[in-house]
């Protein structure tokens, strides 16, 4: 499970620092929205050929981890 979460990256130079998949311009939120809309993982993977099933599972895991927090705060850099 730890390996999955490492697929989610936050880089201020990619998508304005929003969580993405493997430093690519695929935002976690966008993939979650596709899944929530009813698209299957297989359909998403057909549309985004450079993604892997583990990337989508990592998005779900990331969302699950976020739902377990009491709050999300920006850390000063």
PDB file of N, CA and C in Angstrom:
ATOM      1  N   UNK A   1       0.826  -1.193   0.000  1.00  0.00           N
ATOM      2  CA  UNK A   1       0.000   0.000   0.000  1.00  0.00           C
ATOM      3  C   UNK A   1       0.869   1.255   0.000  1.00  0.00           C
ATOM      4  N   UNK A   2       2.024   1.209   0.679  1.00  0.00           N
ATOM      5  CA  UNK A   2       2.910   2.370   0.716  1.00  0.00           C
ATOM      6  C   UNK A   2       3.406   2.689  -0.687  1.00  0.00           C
ATOM      7  N   UNK A   3       3.682   1.668  -1.480  1.00  0.00           N
ATOM      8  CA  UNK A   3       4.146   1.905  -2.842  1.00  0.00           C
ATOM      9  C   UNK A   3       3.111   2.668  -3.659  1.00  0.00           C
ATOM     10  N   UNK A   4       1.834   2.372  -3.449  1.00  0.00           N
ATOM     11  CA  UNK A   4       0.784   3.066  -4.189  1.00  0.00           C
ATOM     12  C   UNK A   4       0.808   4.563  -3.915  1.00  0.00           C
ATOM     13  N   UNK A   5       0.899   4.937  -2.657  1.00  0.00           N
ATOM     14  CA  UNK A   5       0.791   6.354  -2.297  1.00  0.00           C
ATOM     15  C   UNK A   5       1.968   7.156  -2.858  1.00  0.00           C
ATOM     16  N   UNK A   6       3.087   6.517  -3.121  1.00  0.00           N
ATOM     17  CA  UNK A   6       4.234   7.242  -3.678  1.00  0.00           C
ATOM     18  C   UNK A   6       3.990   7.658  -5.129  1.00  0.00           C
ATOM     19  N   UNK A   7       2.963   7.121  -5.753  1.00  0.00           N
ATOM     20  CA  UNK A   7       2.609   7.528  -7.111  1.00  0.00           C
ATOM     21  C   UNK A   7       1.960   8.907  -7.140  1.00  0.00           C
ATOM     22  N   UNK A   8       1.483   9.364  -5.987  1.00  0.00           N
ATOM     23  CA  UNK A   8       0.869  10.684  -5.895  1.00  0.00           C
ATOM     24  C   UNK A   8       1.951  11.686  -5.524  1.00  0.00           C
ATOM     25  N   UNK A   9       2.097  12.710  -6.354  1.00  0.00           N
ATOM     26  CA  UNK A   9       3.156  13.693  -6.144  1.00  0.00           C
ATOM     27  C   UNK A   9       2.559  15.090  -6.026  1.00  0.00           C
ATOM     28  N   UNK A  10       3.256  15.910  -5.264  1.00  0.00           N
ATOM     29  CA  UNK A  10       2.887  17.316  -5.139  1.00  0.00           C
ATOM     30  C   UNK A  10       4.138  18.124  -5.455  1.00  0.00           C
ATOM     31  N   UNK A  11       4.076  18.840  -6.555  1.00  0.00           N
ATOM     32  CA  UNK A  11       5.222  19.591  -7.046  1.00  0.00           C
ATOM     33  C   UNK A  11       4.716  20.976  -7.442  1.00  0.00           C
ATOM     34  N   UNK A  12       5.286  22.000  -6.851  1.00  0.00           N
ATOM     35  CA  UNK A  12       4.800  23.357  -7.125  1.00  0.00           C
ATOM     36  C   UNK A  12       4.954  23.753  -8.591  1.00  0.00           C
ATOM     37  N   UNK A  13       5.781  23.038  -9.343  1.00  0.00           N
ATOM     38  CA  UNK A  13       5.974  23.333 -10.762  1.00  0.00           C
ATOM     39  C   UNK A  13       5.020  22.564 -11.679  1.00  0.00           C
ATOM     40  N   UNK A  14       4.209  21.696 -11.105  1.00  0.00           N
ATOM     41  CA  UNK A  14       3.272  20.892 -11.900  1.00  0.00           C
ATOM     42  C   UNK A  14       1.860  21.151 -11.383  1.00  0.00           C
ATOM     43  N   UNK A  15       1.000  21.649 -12.233  1.00  0.00           N
ATOM     44  CA  UNK A  15      -0.414  21.895 -11.899  1.00  0.00           C
ATOM     45  C   UNK A  15      -0.566  22.740 -10.637  1.00  0.00           C
ATOM     46  N   UNK A  16       0.280  23.742 -10.501  1.00  0.00           N
ATOM     47  CA  UNK A  16       0.188  24.690  -9.385  1.00  0.00           C
ATOM     48  C   UNK A  16       0.253  24.019  -8.020  1.00  0.00           C
ATOM     49  N   UNK A  17       0.967  22.909  -7.932  1.00  0.00           N
ATOM     50  CA  UNK A  17       1.147  22.239  -6.655  1.00  0.00           C
ATOM     51  C   UNK A  17       0.005  21.336  -6.223  1.00  0.00           C
ATOM     52  N   UNK A  18      -0.954  21.116  -7.106  1.00  0.00           N
ATOM     53  CA  UNK A  18      -2.058  20.209  -6.764  1.00  0.00           C
ATOM     54  C   UNK A  18      -1.568  18.764  -6.900  1.00  0.00           C
ATOM     55  N   UNK A  19      -2.143  17.844  -6.141  1.00  0.00           N
ATOM     56  CA  UNK A  19      -1.716  16.446  -6.224  1.00  0.00           C
ATOM     57  C   UNK A  19      -1.928  15.888  -7.628  1.00  0.00           C
ATOM     58  N   UNK A  20      -0.885  15.275  -8.157  1.00  0.00           N
ATOM     59  CA  UNK A  20      -0.932  14.684  -9.488  1.00  0.00           C
ATOM     60  C   UNK A  20      -0.400  13.254  -9.428  1.00  0.00           C
ATOM     61  N   UNK A  21      -0.534  12.566 -10.532  1.00  0.00           N
ATOM     62  CA  UNK A  21      -0.040  11.199 -10.645  1.00  0.00           C
ATOM     63  C   UNK A  21       1.357  11.229 -11.252  1.00  0.00           C
ATOM     64  N   UNK A  22       2.317  10.724 -10.515  1.00  0.00           N
ATOM     65  CA  UNK A  22       3.709  10.565 -10.955  1.00  0.00           C
ATOM     66  C   UNK A  22       4.283  11.805 -11.640  1.00  0.00           C
ATOM     67  N   UNK A  23       3.997  12.973 -11.084  1.00  0.00           N
ATOM     68  CA  UNK A  23       4.511  14.241 -11.616  1.00  0.00           C
ATOM     69  C   UNK A  23       4.051  14.521 -13.039  1.00  0.00           C
ATOM     70  N   UNK A  24       3.027  13.819 -13.477  1.00  0.00           N
ATOM     71  CA  UNK A  24       2.427  14.108 -14.785  1.00  0.00           C
ATOM     72  C   UNK A  24       1.313  15.117 -14.554  1.00  0.00           C
ATOM     73  N   UNK A  25       0.738  15.621 -15.572  1.00  0.00           N
ATOM     74  CA  UNK A  25      -0.302  16.633 -15.435  1.00  0.00           C
ATOM     75  C   UNK A  25      -1.701  16.035 -15.293  1.00  0.00           C
ATOM     76  N   UNK A  26      -1.761  14.874 -14.687  1.00  0.00           N
ATOM     77  CA  UNK A  26      -3.047  14.241 -14.390  1.00  0.00           C
ATOM     78  C   UNK A  26      -3.352  14.487 -12.920  1.00  0.00           C
ATOM     79  N   UNK A  27      -4.292  15.370 -12.663  1.00  0.00           N
ATOM     80  CA  UNK A  27      -4.626  15.702 -11.282  1.00  0.00           C
ATOM     81  C   UNK A  27      -5.444  14.578 -10.639  1.00  0.00           C
ATOM     82  N   UNK A  28      -5.132  14.321  -9.379  1.00  0.00           N
ATOM     83  CA  UNK A  28      -5.853  13.303  -8.625  1.00  0.00           C
ATOM     84  C   UNK A  28      -7.347  13.615  -8.630  1.00  0.00           C
ATOM     85  N   UNK A  29      -7.701  14.870  -8.417  1.00  0.00           N
ATOM     86  CA  UNK A  29      -9.115  15.259  -8.374  1.00  0.00           C
ATOM     87  C   UNK A  29      -9.822  14.915  -9.685  1.00  0.00           C
ATOM     88  N   UNK A  30      -9.168  15.117 -10.801  1.00  0.00           N
ATOM     89  CA  UNK A  30      -9.782  14.818 -12.098  1.00  0.00           C
ATOM     90  C   UNK A  30     -10.045  13.328 -12.261  1.00  0.00           C
ATOM     91  N   UNK A  31      -9.093  12.517 -11.848  1.00  0.00           N
ATOM     92  CA  UNK A  31      -9.268  11.064 -11.957  1.00  0.00           C
ATOM     93  C   UNK A  31     -10.388  10.584 -11.026  1.00  0.00           C
ATOM     94  N   UNK A  32     -10.456  11.162  -9.832  1.00  0.00           N
ATOM     95  CA  UNK A  32     -11.530  10.802  -8.903  1.00  0.00           C
ATOM     96  C   UNK A  32     -12.894  11.207  -9.451  1.00  0.00           C
ATOM     97  N   UNK A  33     -12.948  12.360 -10.107  1.00  0.00           N
ATOM     98  CA  UNK A  33     -14.208  12.799 -10.719  1.00  0.00           C
ATOM     99  C   UNK A  33     -14.645  11.848 -11.825  1.00  0.00           C
ATOM    100  N   UNK A  34     -13.689  11.375 -12.617  1.00  0.00           N
ATOM    101  CA  UNK A  34     -14.025  10.419 -13.668  1.00  0.00           C
ATOM    102  C   UNK A  34     -14.578   9.130 -13.073  1.00  0.00           C
ATOM    103  N   UNK A  35     -13.924   8.644 -12.023  1.00  0.00           N
ATOM    104  CA  UNK A  35     -14.405   7.428 -11.362  1.00  0.00           C
ATOM    105  C   UNK A  35     -15.791   7.654 -10.762  1.00  0.00           C
ATOM    106  N   UNK A  36     -15.986   8.809 -10.136  1.00  0.00           N
ATOM    107  CA  UNK A  36     -17.278   9.123  -9.522  1.00  0.00           C
ATOM    108  C   UNK A  36     -18.382   9.270 -10.555  1.00  0.00           C
ATOM    109  N   UNK A  37     -18.016   9.662 -11.773  1.00  0.00           N
ATOM    110  CA  UNK A  37     -19.027   9.827 -12.824  1.00  0.00           C
ATOM    111  C   UNK A  37     -19.525   8.485 -13.367  1.00  0.00           C
ATOM    112  N   UNK A  38     -18.841   7.409 -12.966  1.00  0.00           N
ATOM    113  CA  UNK A  38     -19.266   6.091 -13.425  1.00  0.00           C
ATOM    114  C   UNK A  38     -18.320   5.434 -14.412  1.00  0.00           C
ATOM    115  N   UNK A  39     -17.282   6.148 -14.815  1.00  0.00           N
ATOM    116  CA  UNK A  39     -16.316   5.522 -15.718  1.00  0.00           C
ATOM    117  C   UNK A  39     -15.588   4.411 -14.979  1.00  0.00           C
ATOM    118  N   UNK A  40     -15.352   3.325 -15.674  1.00  0.00           N
ATOM    119  CA  UNK A  40     -14.603   2.234 -15.067  1.00  0.00           C
ATOM    120  C   UNK A  40     -13.106   2.533 -15.198  1.00  0.00           C
ATOM    121  N   UNK A  41     -12.319   1.842 -14.405  1.00  0.00           N
ATOM    122  CA  UNK A  41     -10.869   2.013 -14.512  1.00  0.00           C
ATOM    123  C   UNK A  41     -10.400   1.665 -15.915  1.00  0.00           C
ATOM    124  N   UNK A  42     -10.975   0.633 -16.467  1.00  0.00           N
ATOM    125  CA  UNK A  42     -10.585   0.204 -17.811  1.00  0.00           C
ATOM    126  C   UNK A  42     -10.853   1.298 -18.845  1.00  0.00           C
ATOM    127  N   UNK A  43     -12.002   1.971 -18.725  1.00  0.00           N
ATOM    128  CA  UNK A  43     -12.331   3.061 -19.655  1.00  0.00           C
ATOM    129  C   UNK A  43     -11.353   4.222 -19.507  1.00  0.00           C
ATOM    130  N   UNK A  44     -11.024   4.554 -18.282  1.00  0.00           N
ATOM    131  CA  UNK A  44     -10.081   5.655 -18.051  1.00  0.00           C
ATOM    132  C   UNK A  44      -8.711   5.289 -18.609  1.00  0.00           C
ATOM    133  N   UNK A  45      -8.288   4.058 -18.381  1.00  0.00           N
ATOM    134  CA  UNK A  45      -6.976   3.632 -18.877  1.00  0.00           C
ATOM    135  C   UNK A  45      -6.921   3.611 -20.403  1.00  0.00           C
ATOM    136  N   UNK A  46      -8.047   3.349 -21.036  1.00  0.00           N
ATOM    137  CA  UNK A  46      -8.081   3.414 -22.504  1.00  0.00           C
ATOM    138  C   UNK A  46      -7.933   4.858 -22.990  1.00  0.00           C
ATOM    139  N   UNK A  47      -8.526   5.795 -22.257  1.00  0.00           N
ATOM    140  CA  UNK A  47      -8.454   7.210 -22.628  1.00  0.00           C
ATOM    141  C   UNK A  47      -7.092   7.827 -22.303  1.00  0.00           C
ATOM    142  N   UNK A  48      -6.445   7.350 -21.258  1.00  0.00           N
ATOM    143  CA  UNK A  48      -5.158   7.888 -20.800  1.00  0.00           C
ATOM    144  C   UNK A  48      -4.143   6.753 -20.796  1.00  0.00           C
ATOM    145  N   UNK A  49      -3.587   6.472 -21.965  1.00  0.00           N
ATOM    146  CA  UNK A  49      -2.765   5.285 -22.163  1.00  0.00           C
ATOM    147  C   UNK A  49      -1.476   5.264 -21.349  1.00  0.00           C
ATOM    148  N   UNK A  50      -0.996   6.423 -20.891  1.00  0.00           N
ATOM    149  CA  UNK A  50       0.243   6.420 -20.112  1.00  0.00           C
ATOM    150  C   UNK A  50      -0.002   6.230 -18.618  1.00  0.00           C
ATOM    151  N   UNK A  51      -1.273   6.048 -18.221  1.00  0.00           N
ATOM    152  CA  UNK A  51      -1.589   5.744 -16.828  1.00  0.00           C
ATOM    153  C   UNK A  51      -1.691   4.236 -16.643  1.00  0.00           C
ATOM    154  N   UNK A  52      -1.528   3.820 -15.393  1.00  0.00           N
ATOM    155  CA  UNK A  52      -1.618   2.409 -15.038  1.00  0.00           C
ATOM    156  C   UNK A  52      -2.706   2.236 -13.985  1.00  0.00           C
ATOM    157  N   UNK A  53      -3.212   1.020 -13.865  1.00  0.00           N
ATOM    158  CA  UNK A  53      -4.256   0.744 -12.886  1.00  0.00           C
ATOM    159  C   UNK A  53      -3.817   1.170 -11.490  1.00  0.00           C
ATOM    160  N   UNK A  54      -2.557   0.958 -11.161  1.00  0.00           N
ATOM    161  CA  UNK A  54      -2.034   1.334  -9.848  1.00  0.00           C
ATOM    162  C   UNK A  54      -2.123   2.833  -9.611  1.00  0.00           C
ATOM    163  N   UNK A  55      -2.045   3.631 -10.672  1.00  0.00           N
ATOM    164  CA  UNK A  55      -2.186   5.089 -10.539  1.00  0.00           C
ATOM    165  C   UNK A  55      -3.583   5.446 -10.046  1.00  0.00           C
ATOM    166  N   UNK A  56      -4.584   4.789 -10.603  1.00  0.00           N
ATOM    167  CA  UNK A  56      -5.967   5.059 -10.195  1.00  0.00           C
ATOM    168  C   UNK A  56      -6.226   4.549  -8.784  1.00  0.00           C
ATOM    169  N   UNK A  57      -5.656   3.397  -8.459  1.00  0.00           N
ATOM    170  CA  UNK A  57      -5.781   2.894  -7.093  1.00  0.00           C
ATOM    171  C   UNK A  57      -5.105   3.846  -6.110  1.00  0.00           C
ATOM    172  N   UNK A  58      -3.997   4.439  -6.516  1.00  0.00           N
ATOM    173  CA  UNK A  58      -3.305   5.409  -5.666  1.00  0.00           C
ATOM    174  C   UNK A  58      -4.177   6.639  -5.425  1.00  0.00           C
ATOM    175  N   UNK A  59      -4.915   7.067  -6.438  1.00  0.00           N
ATOM    176  CA  UNK A  59      -5.828   8.206  -6.275  1.00  0.00           C
ATOM    177  C   UNK A  59      -6.898   7.892  -5.242  1.00  0.00           C
ATOM    178  N   UNK A  60      -7.441   6.693  -5.306  1.00  0.00           N
ATOM    179  CA  UNK A  60      -8.469   6.288  -4.349  1.00  0.00           C
ATOM    180  C   UNK A  60      -7.877   6.207  -2.946  1.00  0.00           C
ATOM    181  N   UNK A  61      -6.689   5.651  -2.833  1.00  0.00           N
ATOM    182  CA  UNK A  61      -6.028   5.571  -1.536  1.00  0.00           C
ATOM    183  C   UNK A  61      -5.748   6.958  -0.979  1.00  0.00           C
ATOM    184  N   UNK A  62      -5.302   7.870  -1.836  1.00  0.00           N
ATOM    185  CA  UNK A  62      -5.028   9.244  -1.414  1.00  0.00           C
ATOM    186  C   UNK A  62      -6.301   9.898  -0.872  1.00  0.00           C
ATOM    187  N   UNK A  63      -7.404   9.715  -1.567  1.00  0.00           N
ATOM    188  CA  UNK A  63      -8.681  10.280  -1.116  1.00  0.00           C
ATOM    189  C   UNK A  63      -9.101   9.658   0.214  1.00  0.00           C
ATOM    190  N   UNK A  64      -8.880   8.373   0.362  1.00  0.00           N
ATOM    191  CA  UNK A  64      -9.226   7.703   1.617  1.00  0.00           C
ATOM    192  C   UNK A  64      -8.394   8.267   2.768  1.00  0.00           C
ATOM    193  N   UNK A  65      -7.112   8.470   2.528  1.00  0.00           N
ATOM    194  CA  UNK A  65      -6.239   9.035   3.565  1.00  0.00           C
ATOM    195  C   UNK A  65      -6.688  10.448   3.928  1.00  0.00           C
ATOM    196  N   UNK A  66      -7.044  11.250   2.940  1.00  0.00           N
ATOM    197  CA  UNK A  66      -7.503  12.610   3.216  1.00  0.00           C
ATOM    198  C   UNK A  66      -8.782  12.621   4.037  1.00  0.00           C
ATOM    199  N   UNK A  67      -9.641  11.657   3.804  1.00  0.00           N
ATOM    200  CA  UNK A  67     -10.910  11.627   4.531  1.00  0.00           C
ATOM    201  C   UNK A  67     -10.709  11.271   6.004  1.00  0.00           C
ATOM    202  N   UNK A  68      -9.554  10.762   6.350  1.00  0.00           N
ATOM    203  CA  UNK A  68      -9.269  10.378   7.731  1.00  0.00           C
ATOM    204  C   UNK A  68      -8.638  11.505   8.541  1.00  0.00           C
ATOM    205  N   UNK A  69      -8.367  12.641   7.930  1.00  0.00           N
ATOM    206  CA  UNK A  69      -7.722  13.739   8.640  1.00  0.00           C
ATOM    207  C   UNK A  69      -8.764  14.634   9.309  1.00  0.00           C
ATOM    208  N   UNK A  70      -8.320  15.341  10.325  1.00  0.00           N
ATOM    209  CA  UNK A  70      -9.206  16.296  11.002  1.00  0.00           C
ATOM    210  C   UNK A  70      -9.246  17.625  10.272  1.00  0.00           C
ATOM    211  N   UNK A  71      -8.230  17.907   9.502  1.00  0.00           N
ATOM    212  CA  UNK A  71      -8.166  19.160   8.759  1.00  0.00           C
ATOM    213  C   UNK A  71      -6.947  19.168   7.859  1.00  0.00           C
ATOM    214  N   UNK A  72      -6.987  20.022   6.872  1.00  0.00           N
ATOM    215  CA  UNK A  72      -5.869  20.143   5.944  1.00  0.00           C
ATOM    216  C   UNK A  72      -5.387  21.576   6.016  1.00  0.00           C
ATOM    217  N   UNK A  73      -4.130  21.744   6.264  1.00  0.00           N
ATOM    218  CA  UNK A  73      -3.556  23.075   6.440  1.00  0.00           C
ATOM    219  C   UNK A  73      -2.362  23.243   5.525  1.00  0.00           C
ATOM    220  N   UNK A  74      -2.229  24.402   4.935  1.00  0.00           N
ATOM    221  CA  UNK A  74      -1.079  24.698   4.112  1.00  0.00           C
ATOM    222  C   UNK A  74       0.097  25.021   5.017  1.00  0.00           C
ATOM    223  N   UNK A  75       1.220  24.421   4.704  1.00  0.00           N
ATOM    224  CA  UNK A  75       2.425  24.650   5.477  1.00  0.00           C
ATOM    225  C   UNK A  75       3.214  25.770   4.814  1.00  0.00           C
ATOM    226  N   UNK A  76       3.641  26.743   5.585  1.00  0.00           N
ATOM    227  CA  UNK A  76       4.423  27.854   5.043  1.00  0.00           C
ATOM    228  C   UNK A  76       5.736  27.310   4.491  1.00  0.00           C
ATOM    229  N   UNK A  77       6.120  27.838   3.337  1.00  0.00           N
ATOM    230  CA  UNK A  77       7.386  27.358   2.747  1.00  0.00           C
ATOM    231  C   UNK A  77       8.509  28.329   2.977  1.00  0.00           C
TER     232      UNK A  77
END
